Amino acid sequence: AATGVVVERVVAVEATQYSIDGEAY
């Protein structure tokens, strides 16, 4: 994406069941 990008942490989780709170679209 750009020169000097450092990925400090990353996690991927399967989205099978989830709950989310916040503004709806």
mmCIF file of all heavy atoms, coordinates in Angstrom:
data_MODEL
# 
_entry.id   MODEL 
# 
loop_
_atom_site.group_PDB 
_atom_site.id 
_atom_site.type_symbol 
_atom_site.label_atom_id 
_atom_site.label_alt_id 
_atom_site.label_comp_id 
_atom_site.label_asym_id 
_atom_site.label_entity_id 
_atom_site.label_seq_id 
_atom_site.pdbx_PDB_ins_code 
_atom_site.Cartn_x 
_atom_site.Cartn_y 
_atom_site.Cartn_z 
_atom_site.occupancy 
_atom_site.B_iso_or_equiv 
_atom_site.pdbx_formal_charge 
_atom_site.auth_seq_id 
_atom_site.auth_comp_id 
_atom_site.auth_asym_id 
_atom_site.auth_atom_id 
_atom_site.pdbx_PDB_model_num 
ATOM 1   N N   . ALA A 1 1  ? 0.817   -1.221  0.000  1.00 0.00 ? 1  ALA A N   1 
ATOM 2   C CA  . ALA A 1 1  ? 0.000   0.000   0.000  1.00 0.00 ? 1  ALA A CA  1 
ATOM 3   C C   . ALA A 1 1  ? 0.846   1.263   0.000  1.00 0.00 ? 1  ALA A C   1 
ATOM 4   O O   . ALA A 1 1  ? 0.463   2.267   -0.589 1.00 0.00 ? 1  ALA A O   1 
ATOM 5   C CB  . ALA A 1 1  ? -0.942  0.010   1.197  1.00 0.00 ? 1  ALA A CB  1 
ATOM 6   N N   . ALA A 1 2  ? 1.978   1.218   0.650  1.00 0.00 ? 2  ALA A N   1 
ATOM 7   C CA  . ALA A 1 2  ? 2.859   2.399   0.741  1.00 0.00 ? 2  ALA A CA  1 
ATOM 8   C C   . ALA A 1 2  ? 4.230   1.946   1.220  1.00 0.00 ? 2  ALA A C   1 
ATOM 9   O O   . ALA A 1 2  ? 4.355   0.907   1.861  1.00 0.00 ? 2  ALA A O   1 
ATOM 10  C CB  . ALA A 1 2  ? 2.281   3.431   1.699  1.00 0.00 ? 2  ALA A CB  1 
ATOM 11  N N   . THR A 1 3  ? 5.226   2.731   0.932  1.00 0.00 ? 3  THR A N   1 
ATOM 12  C CA  . THR A 1 3  ? 6.573   2.434   1.392  1.00 0.00 ? 3  THR A CA  1 
ATOM 13  C C   . THR A 1 3  ? 6.638   2.589   2.904  1.00 0.00 ? 3  THR A C   1 
ATOM 14  O O   . THR A 1 3  ? 6.142   3.572   3.445  1.00 0.00 ? 3  THR A O   1 
ATOM 15  C CB  . THR A 1 3  ? 7.594   3.392   0.742  1.00 0.00 ? 3  THR A CB  1 
ATOM 16  O OG1 . THR A 1 3  ? 7.479   3.265   -0.676 1.00 0.00 ? 3  THR A OG1 1 
ATOM 17  C CG2 . THR A 1 3  ? 9.005   3.068   1.167  1.00 0.00 ? 3  THR A CG2 1 
ATOM 18  N N   . GLY A 1 4  ? 7.197   1.598   3.581  1.00 0.00 ? 4  GLY A N   1 
ATOM 19  C CA  . GLY A 1 4  ? 7.387   1.694   5.026  1.00 0.00 ? 4  GLY A CA  1 
ATOM 20  C C   . GLY A 1 4  ? 6.257   1.150   5.870  1.00 0.00 ? 4  GLY A C   1 
ATOM 21  O O   . GLY A 1 4  ? 6.259   1.313   7.087  1.00 0.00 ? 4  GLY A O   1 
ATOM 22  N N   . VAL A 1 5  ? 5.275   0.477   5.266  1.00 0.00 ? 5  VAL A N   1 
ATOM 23  C CA  . VAL A 1 5  ? 4.179   -0.092  6.049  1.00 0.00 ? 5  VAL A CA  1 
ATOM 24  C C   . VAL A 1 5  ? 4.719   -1.234  6.909  1.00 0.00 ? 5  VAL A C   1 
ATOM 25  O O   . VAL A 1 5  ? 5.404   -2.126  6.428  1.00 0.00 ? 5  VAL A O   1 
ATOM 26  C CB  . VAL A 1 5  ? 3.044   -0.625  5.143  1.00 0.00 ? 5  VAL A CB  1 
ATOM 27  C CG1 . VAL A 1 5  ? 2.025   -1.407  5.958  1.00 0.00 ? 5  VAL A CG1 1 
ATOM 28  C CG2 . VAL A 1 5  ? 2.373   0.511   4.403  1.00 0.00 ? 5  VAL A CG2 1 
ATOM 29  N N   . VAL A 1 6  ? 4.382   -1.183  8.197  1.00 0.00 ? 6  VAL A N   1 
ATOM 30  C CA  . VAL A 1 6  ? 4.737   -2.251  9.127  1.00 0.00 ? 6  VAL A CA  1 
ATOM 31  C C   . VAL A 1 6  ? 3.441   -2.826  9.677  1.00 0.00 ? 6  VAL A C   1 
ATOM 32  O O   . VAL A 1 6  ? 2.633   -2.102  10.272 1.00 0.00 ? 6  VAL A O   1 
ATOM 33  C CB  . VAL A 1 6  ? 5.610   -1.726  10.285 1.00 0.00 ? 6  VAL A CB  1 
ATOM 34  C CG1 . VAL A 1 6  ? 5.875   -2.824  11.300 1.00 0.00 ? 6  VAL A CG1 1 
ATOM 35  C CG2 . VAL A 1 6  ? 6.909   -1.146  9.744  1.00 0.00 ? 6  VAL A CG2 1 
ATOM 36  N N   . VAL A 1 7  ? 3.230   -4.123  9.452  1.00 0.00 ? 7  VAL A N   1 
ATOM 37  C CA  . VAL A 1 7  ? 2.074   -4.809  10.022 1.00 0.00 ? 7  VAL A CA  1 
ATOM 38  C C   . VAL A 1 7  ? 2.471   -5.206  11.440 1.00 0.00 ? 7  VAL A C   1 
ATOM 39  O O   . VAL A 1 7  ? 3.326   -6.068  11.633 1.00 0.00 ? 7  VAL A O   1 
ATOM 40  C CB  . VAL A 1 7  ? 1.673   -6.044  9.189  1.00 0.00 ? 7  VAL A CB  1 
ATOM 41  C CG1 . VAL A 1 7  ? 0.514   -6.771  9.854  1.00 0.00 ? 7  VAL A CG1 1 
ATOM 42  C CG2 . VAL A 1 7  ? 1.310   -5.640  7.764  1.00 0.00 ? 7  VAL A CG2 1 
ATOM 43  N N   . GLU A 1 8  ? 1.870   -4.544  12.422 1.00 0.00 ? 8  GLU A N   1 
ATOM 44  C CA  . GLU A 1 8  ? 2.227   -4.797  13.815 1.00 0.00 ? 8  GLU A CA  1 
ATOM 45  C C   . GLU A 1 8  ? 1.523   -6.026  14.368 1.00 0.00 ? 8  GLU A C   1 
ATOM 46  O O   . GLU A 1 8  ? 2.118   -6.824  15.074 1.00 0.00 ? 8  GLU A O   1 
ATOM 47  C CB  . GLU A 1 8  ? 1.922   -3.559  14.653 1.00 0.00 ? 8  GLU A CB  1 
ATOM 48  C CG  . GLU A 1 8  ? 2.770   -2.359  14.221 1.00 0.00 ? 8  GLU A CG  1 
ATOM 49  C CD  . GLU A 1 8  ? 2.306   -1.039  14.802 1.00 0.00 ? 8  GLU A CD  1 
ATOM 50  O OE1 . GLU A 1 8  ? 1.211   -0.974  15.402 1.00 0.00 ? 8  GLU A OE1 1 
ATOM 51  O OE2 . GLU A 1 8  ? 3.051   -0.055  14.648 1.00 0.00 ? 8  GLU A OE2 1 
ATOM 52  N N   . ARG A 1 9  ? 0.229   -6.170  14.047 1.00 0.00 ? 9  ARG A N   1 
ATOM 53  C CA  . ARG A 1 9  ? -0.565  -7.330  14.474 1.00 0.00 ? 9  ARG A CA  1 
ATOM 54  C C   . ARG A 1 9  ? -1.681  -7.529  13.473 1.00 0.00 ? 9  ARG A C   1 
ATOM 55  O O   . ARG A 1 9  ? -2.206  -6.563  12.926 1.00 0.00 ? 9  ARG A O   1 
ATOM 56  C CB  . ARG A 1 9  ? -1.210  -7.092  15.840 1.00 0.00 ? 9  ARG A CB  1 
ATOM 57  C CG  . ARG A 1 9  ? -0.283  -7.133  17.010 1.00 0.00 ? 9  ARG A CG  1 
ATOM 58  C CD  . ARG A 1 9  ? -1.078  -6.871  18.267 1.00 0.00 ? 9  ARG A CD  1 
ATOM 59  N NE  . ARG A 1 9  ? -1.532  -5.479  18.264 1.00 0.00 ? 9  ARG A NE  1 
ATOM 60  C CZ  . ARG A 1 9  ? -1.268  -4.617  19.220 1.00 0.00 ? 9  ARG A CZ  1 
ATOM 61  N NH1 . ARG A 1 9  ? -0.599  -4.990  20.260 1.00 0.00 ? 9  ARG A NH1 1 
ATOM 62  N NH2 . ARG A 1 9  ? -1.706  -3.383  19.141 1.00 0.00 ? 9  ARG A NH2 1 
ATOM 63  N N   . VAL A 1 10 ? -2.056  -8.786  13.290 1.00 0.00 ? 10 VAL A N   1 
ATOM 64  C CA  . VAL A 1 10 ? -3.205  -9.087  12.434 1.00 0.00 ? 10 VAL A CA  1 
ATOM 65  C C   . VAL A 1 10 ? -3.781  -10.429 12.853 1.00 0.00 ? 10 VAL A C   1 
ATOM 66  O O   . VAL A 1 10 ? -3.049  -11.350 13.202 1.00 0.00 ? 10 VAL A O   1 
ATOM 67  C CB  . VAL A 1 10 ? -2.818  -9.068  10.925 1.00 0.00 ? 10 VAL A CB  1 
ATOM 68  C CG1 . VAL A 1 10 ? -1.774  -10.110 10.611 1.00 0.00 ? 10 VAL A CG1 1 
ATOM 69  C CG2 . VAL A 1 10 ? -4.040  -9.227  10.056 1.00 0.00 ? 10 VAL A CG2 1 
ATOM 70  N N   . VAL A 1 11 ? -5.104  -10.514 12.852 1.00 0.00 ? 11 VAL A N   1 
ATOM 71  C CA  . VAL A 1 11 ? -5.788  -11.753 13.193 1.00 0.00 ? 11 VAL A CA  1 
ATOM 72  C C   . VAL A 1 11 ? -6.975  -11.921 12.242 1.00 0.00 ? 11 VAL A C   1 
ATOM 73  O O   . VAL A 1 11 ? -7.639  -10.941 11.899 1.00 0.00 ? 11 VAL A O   1 
ATOM 74  C CB  . VAL A 1 11 ? -6.248  -11.780 14.673 1.00 0.00 ? 11 VAL A CB  1 
ATOM 75  C CG1 . VAL A 1 11 ? -7.235  -10.679 14.964 1.00 0.00 ? 11 VAL A CG1 1 
ATOM 76  C CG2 . VAL A 1 11 ? -6.828  -13.135 15.041 1.00 0.00 ? 11 VAL A CG2 1 
ATOM 77  N N   . ALA A 1 12 ? -7.197  -13.146 11.800 1.00 0.00 ? 12 ALA A N   1 
ATOM 78  C CA  . ALA A 1 12 ? -8.346  -13.458 10.948 1.00 0.00 ? 12 ALA A CA  1 
ATOM 79  C C   . ALA A 1 12 ? -9.199  -14.505 11.659 1.00 0.00 ? 12 ALA A C   1 
ATOM 80  O O   . ALA A 1 12 ? -8.686  -15.532 12.095 1.00 0.00 ? 12 ALA A O   1 
ATOM 81  C CB  . ALA A 1 12 ? -7.888  -13.984 9.596  1.00 0.00 ? 12 ALA A CB  1 
ATOM 82  N N   . VAL A 1 13 ? -10.495 -14.224 11.761 1.00 0.00 ? 13 VAL A N   1 
ATOM 83  C CA  . VAL A 1 13 ? -11.430 -15.110 12.449 1.00 0.00 ? 13 VAL A CA  1 
ATOM 84  C C   . VAL A 1 13 ? -12.611 -15.373 11.535 1.00 0.00 ? 13 VAL A C   1 
ATOM 85  O O   . VAL A 1 13 ? -13.164 -14.444 10.941 1.00 0.00 ? 13 VAL A O   1 
ATOM 86  C CB  . VAL A 1 13 ? -11.923 -14.456 13.761 1.00 0.00 ? 13 VAL A CB  1 
ATOM 87  C CG1 . VAL A 1 13 ? -12.898 -15.361 14.482 1.00 0.00 ? 13 VAL A CG1 1 
ATOM 88  C CG2 . VAL A 1 13 ? -10.753 -14.095 14.653 1.00 0.00 ? 13 VAL A CG2 1 
ATOM 89  N N   . GLU A 1 14 ? -13.018 -16.632 11.442 1.00 0.00 ? 14 GLU A N   1 
ATOM 90  C CA  . GLU A 1 14 ? -14.166 -16.985 10.616 1.00 0.00 ? 14 GLU A CA  1 
ATOM 91  C C   . GLU A 1 14 ? -15.427 -16.336 11.180 1.00 0.00 ? 14 GLU A C   1 
ATOM 92  O O   . GLU A 1 14 ? -15.699 -16.408 12.372 1.00 0.00 ? 14 GLU A O   1 
ATOM 93  C CB  . GLU A 1 14 ? -14.332 -18.497 10.564 1.00 0.00 ? 14 GLU A CB  1 
ATOM 94  C CG  . GLU A 1 14 ? -15.411 -18.949 9.617  1.00 0.00 ? 14 GLU A CG  1 
ATOM 95  C CD  . GLU A 1 14 ? -15.495 -20.456 9.486  1.00 0.00 ? 14 GLU A CD  1 
ATOM 96  O OE1 . GLU A 1 14 ? -14.596 -21.164 9.955  1.00 0.00 ? 14 GLU A OE1 1 
ATOM 97  O OE2 . GLU A 1 14 ? -16.492 -20.921 8.914  1.00 0.00 ? 14 GLU A OE2 1 
ATOM 98  N N   . ALA A 1 15 ? -16.187 -15.703 10.314 1.00 0.00 ? 15 ALA A N   1 
ATOM 99  C CA  . ALA A 1 15 ? -17.398 -14.995 10.737 1.00 0.00 ? 15 ALA A CA  1 
ATOM 100 C C   . ALA A 1 15 ? -18.615 -15.895 10.565 1.00 0.00 ? 15 ALA A C   1 
ATOM 101 O O   . ALA A 1 15 ? -19.441 -15.692 9.696  1.00 0.00 ? 15 ALA A O   1 
ATOM 102 C CB  . ALA A 1 15 ? -17.563 -13.718 9.924  1.00 0.00 ? 15 ALA A CB  1 
ATOM 103 N N   . THR A 1 16 ? -18.724 -16.904 11.419 1.00 0.00 ? 16 THR A N   1 
ATOM 104 C CA  . THR A 1 16 ? -19.859 -17.810 11.322 1.00 0.00 ? 16 THR A CA  1 
ATOM 105 C C   . THR A 1 16 ? -21.021 -17.327 12.161 1.00 0.00 ? 16 THR A C   1 
ATOM 106 O O   . THR A 1 16 ? -22.160 -17.356 11.727 1.00 0.00 ? 16 THR A O   1 
ATOM 107 C CB  . THR A 1 16 ? -19.469 -19.243 11.768 1.00 0.00 ? 16 THR A CB  1 
ATOM 108 O OG1 . THR A 1 16 ? -18.901 -19.170 13.074 1.00 0.00 ? 16 THR A OG1 1 
ATOM 109 C CG2 . THR A 1 16 ? -18.482 -19.853 10.805 1.00 0.00 ? 16 THR A CG2 1 
ATOM 110 N N   . GLN A 1 17 ? -20.751 -16.912 13.370 1.00 0.00 ? 17 GLN A N   1 
ATOM 111 C CA  . GLN A 1 17 ? -21.769 -16.349 14.244 1.00 0.00 ? 17 GLN A CA  1 
ATOM 112 C C   . GLN A 1 17 ? -21.153 -15.126 14.891 1.00 0.00 ? 17 GLN A C   1 
ATOM 113 O O   . GLN A 1 17 ? -20.055 -15.184 15.429 1.00 0.00 ? 17 GLN A O   1 
ATOM 114 C CB  . GLN A 1 17 ? -22.180 -17.340 15.326 1.00 0.00 ? 17 GLN A CB  1 
ATOM 115 C CG  . GLN A 1 17 ? -22.859 -18.569 14.786 1.00 0.00 ? 17 GLN A CG  1 
ATOM 116 C CD  . GLN A 1 17 ? -23.286 -19.488 15.925 1.00 0.00 ? 17 GLN A CD  1 
ATOM 117 O OE1 . GLN A 1 17 ? -23.433 -19.077 17.065 1.00 0.00 ? 17 GLN A OE1 1 
ATOM 118 N NE2 . GLN A 1 17 ? -23.491 -20.745 15.595 1.00 0.00 ? 17 GLN A NE2 1 
ATOM 119 N N   . TYR A 1 18 ? -21.861 -14.021 14.838 1.00 0.00 ? 18 TYR A N   1 
ATOM 120 C CA  . TYR A 1 18 ? -21.319 -12.808 15.432 1.00 0.00 ? 18 TYR A CA  1 
ATOM 121 C C   . TYR A 1 18 ? -22.459 -11.904 15.871 1.00 0.00 ? 18 TYR A C   1 
ATOM 122 O O   . TYR A 1 18 ? -23.586 -12.030 15.419 1.00 0.00 ? 18 TYR A O   1 
ATOM 123 C CB  . TYR A 1 18 ? -20.394 -12.065 14.462 1.00 0.00 ? 18 TYR A CB  1 
ATOM 124 C CG  . TYR A 1 18 ? -21.000 -11.811 13.102 1.00 0.00 ? 18 TYR A CG  1 
ATOM 125 C CD1 . TYR A 1 18 ? -21.772 -10.687 12.864 1.00 0.00 ? 18 TYR A CD1 1 
ATOM 126 C CD2 . TYR A 1 18 ? -20.792 -12.700 12.055 1.00 0.00 ? 18 TYR A CD2 1 
ATOM 127 C CE1 . TYR A 1 18 ? -22.325 -10.449 11.621 1.00 0.00 ? 18 TYR A CE1 1 
ATOM 128 C CE2 . TYR A 1 18 ? -21.346 -12.475 10.814 1.00 0.00 ? 18 TYR A CE2 1 
ATOM 129 C CZ  . TYR A 1 18 ? -22.117 -11.353 10.599 1.00 0.00 ? 18 TYR A CZ  1 
ATOM 130 O OH  . TYR A 1 18 ? -22.665 -11.131 9.367  1.00 0.00 ? 18 TYR A OH  1 
ATOM 131 N N   . SER A 1 19 ? -22.120 -11.033 16.775 1.00 0.00 ? 19 SER A N   1 
ATOM 132 C CA  . SER A 1 19 ? -23.051 -10.022 17.234 1.00 0.00 ? 19 SER A CA  1 
ATOM 133 C C   . SER A 1 19 ? -22.328 -8.694  17.141 1.00 0.00 ? 19 SER A C   1 
ATOM 134 O O   . SER A 1 19 ? -21.147 -8.602  17.481 1.00 0.00 ? 19 SER A O   1 
ATOM 135 C CB  . SER A 1 19 ? -23.446 -10.319 18.676 1.00 0.00 ? 19 SER A CB  1 
ATOM 136 O OG  . SER A 1 19 ? -24.302 -9.320  19.167 1.00 0.00 ? 19 SER A OG  1 
ATOM 137 N N   . ILE A 1 20 ? -23.007 -7.697  16.675 1.00 0.00 ? 20 ILE A N   1 
ATOM 138 C CA  . ILE A 1 20 ? -22.375 -6.391  16.516 1.00 0.00 ? 20 ILE A CA  1 
ATOM 139 C C   . ILE A 1 20 ? -23.358 -5.321  16.967 1.00 0.00 ? 20 ILE A C   1 
ATOM 140 O O   . ILE A 1 20 ? -24.563 -5.440  16.754 1.00 0.00 ? 20 ILE A O   1 
ATOM 141 C CB  . ILE A 1 20 ? -21.906 -6.173  15.054 1.00 0.00 ? 20 ILE A CB  1 
ATOM 142 C CG1 . ILE A 1 20 ? -21.069 -4.907  14.944 1.00 0.00 ? 20 ILE A CG1 1 
ATOM 143 C CG2 . ILE A 1 20 ? -23.057 -6.194  14.081 1.00 0.00 ? 20 ILE A CG2 1 
ATOM 144 C CD1 . ILE A 1 20 ? -20.313 -4.790  13.634 1.00 0.00 ? 20 ILE A CD1 1 
ATOM 145 N N   . ASP A 1 21 ? -22.840 -4.310  17.594 1.00 0.00 ? 21 ASP A N   1 
ATOM 146 C CA  . ASP A 1 21 ? -23.679 -3.225  18.074 1.00 0.00 ? 21 ASP A CA  1 
ATOM 147 C C   . ASP A 1 21 ? -23.156 -1.930  17.460 1.00 0.00 ? 21 ASP A C   1 
ATOM 148 O O   . ASP A 1 21 ? -21.950 -1.714  17.388 1.00 0.00 ? 21 ASP A O   1 
ATOM 149 C CB  . ASP A 1 21 ? -23.617 -3.141  19.590 1.00 0.00 ? 21 ASP A CB  1 
ATOM 150 C CG  . ASP A 1 21 ? -24.620 -2.145  20.135 1.00 0.00 ? 21 ASP A CG  1 
ATOM 151 O OD1 . ASP A 1 21 ? -25.594 -1.813  19.454 1.00 0.00 ? 21 ASP A OD1 1 
ATOM 152 O OD2 . ASP A 1 21 ? -24.414 -1.682  21.285 1.00 0.00 ? 21 ASP A OD2 1 
ATOM 153 N N   . GLY A 1 22 ? -24.030 -1.119  16.990 1.00 0.00 ? 22 GLY A N   1 
ATOM 154 C CA  . GLY A 1 22 ? -23.634 0.146   16.389 1.00 0.00 ? 22 GLY A CA  1 
ATOM 155 C C   . GLY A 1 22 ? -24.639 0.559   15.331 1.00 0.00 ? 22 GLY A C   1 
ATOM 156 O O   . GLY A 1 22 ? -25.688 -0.059  15.180 1.00 0.00 ? 22 GLY A O   1 
ATOM 157 N N   . GLU A 1 23 ? -24.299 1.569   14.612 1.00 0.00 ? 23 GLU A N   1 
ATOM 158 C CA  . GLU A 1 23 ? -25.196 2.126   13.607 1.00 0.00 ? 23 GLU A CA  1 
ATOM 159 C C   . GLU A 1 23 ? -25.468 1.130   12.484 1.00 0.00 ? 23 GLU A C   1 
ATOM 160 O O   . GLU A 1 23 ? -24.563 0.498   11.948 1.00 0.00 ? 23 GLU A O   1 
ATOM 161 C CB  . GLU A 1 23 ? -24.571 3.390   13.028 1.00 0.00 ? 23 GLU A CB  1 
ATOM 162 C CG  . GLU A 1 23 ? -25.510 4.162   12.140 1.00 0.00 ? 23 GLU A CG  1 
ATOM 163 C CD  . GLU A 1 23 ? -24.918 5.487   11.703 1.00 0.00 ? 23 GLU A CD  1 
ATOM 164 O OE1 . GLU A 1 23 ? -23.973 5.956   12.334 1.00 0.00 ? 23 GLU A OE1 1 
ATOM 165 O OE2 . GLU A 1 23 ? -25.413 6.020   10.716 1.00 0.00 ? 23 GLU A OE2 1 
ATOM 166 N N   . ALA A 1 24 ? -26.721 0.979   12.104 1.00 0.00 ? 24 ALA A N   1 
ATOM 167 C CA  . ALA A 1 24 ? -27.116 0.077   11.022 1.00 0.00 ? 24 ALA A CA  1 
ATOM 168 C C   . ALA A 1 24 ? -27.124 0.789   9.680  1.00 0.00 ? 24 ALA A C   1 
ATOM 169 O O   . ALA A 1 24 ? -27.409 1.979   9.603  1.00 0.00 ? 24 ALA A O   1 
ATOM 170 C CB  . ALA A 1 24 ? -28.504 -0.493  11.302 1.00 0.00 ? 24 ALA A CB  1 
ATOM 171 N N   . TYR A 1 25 ? -26.771 0.053   8.641  1.00 0.00 ? 25 TYR A N   1 
ATOM 172 C CA  . TYR A 1 25 ? -26.827 0.565   7.271  1.00 0.00 ? 25 TYR A CA  1 
ATOM 173 C C   . TYR A 1 25 ? -27.773 -0.340  6.481  1.00 0.00 ? 25 TYR A C   1 
ATOM 174 O O   . TYR A 1 25 ? -27.498 -1.514  6.333  1.00 0.00 ? 25 TYR A O   1 
ATOM 175 C CB  . TYR A 1 25 ? -25.435 0.530   6.622  1.00 0.00 ? 25 TYR A CB  1 
ATOM 176 C CG  . TYR A 1 25 ? -24.481 1.500   7.260  1.00 0.00 ? 25 TYR A CG  1 
ATOM 177 C CD1 . TYR A 1 25 ? -23.749 1.152   8.380  1.00 0.00 ? 25 TYR A CD1 1 
ATOM 178 C CD2 . TYR A 1 25 ? -24.332 2.783   6.745  1.00 0.00 ? 25 TYR A CD2 1 
ATOM 179 C CE1 . TYR A 1 25 ? -22.880 2.043   8.979  1.00 0.00 ? 25 TYR A CE1 1 
ATOM 180 C CE2 . TYR A 1 25 ? -23.462 3.678   7.344  1.00 0.00 ? 25 TYR A CE2 1 
ATOM 181 C CZ  . TYR A 1 25 ? -22.737 3.304   8.450  1.00 0.00 ? 25 TYR A CZ  1 
ATOM 182 O OH  . TYR A 1 25 ? -21.895 4.190   9.027  1.00 0.00 ? 25 TYR A OH  1 
# 
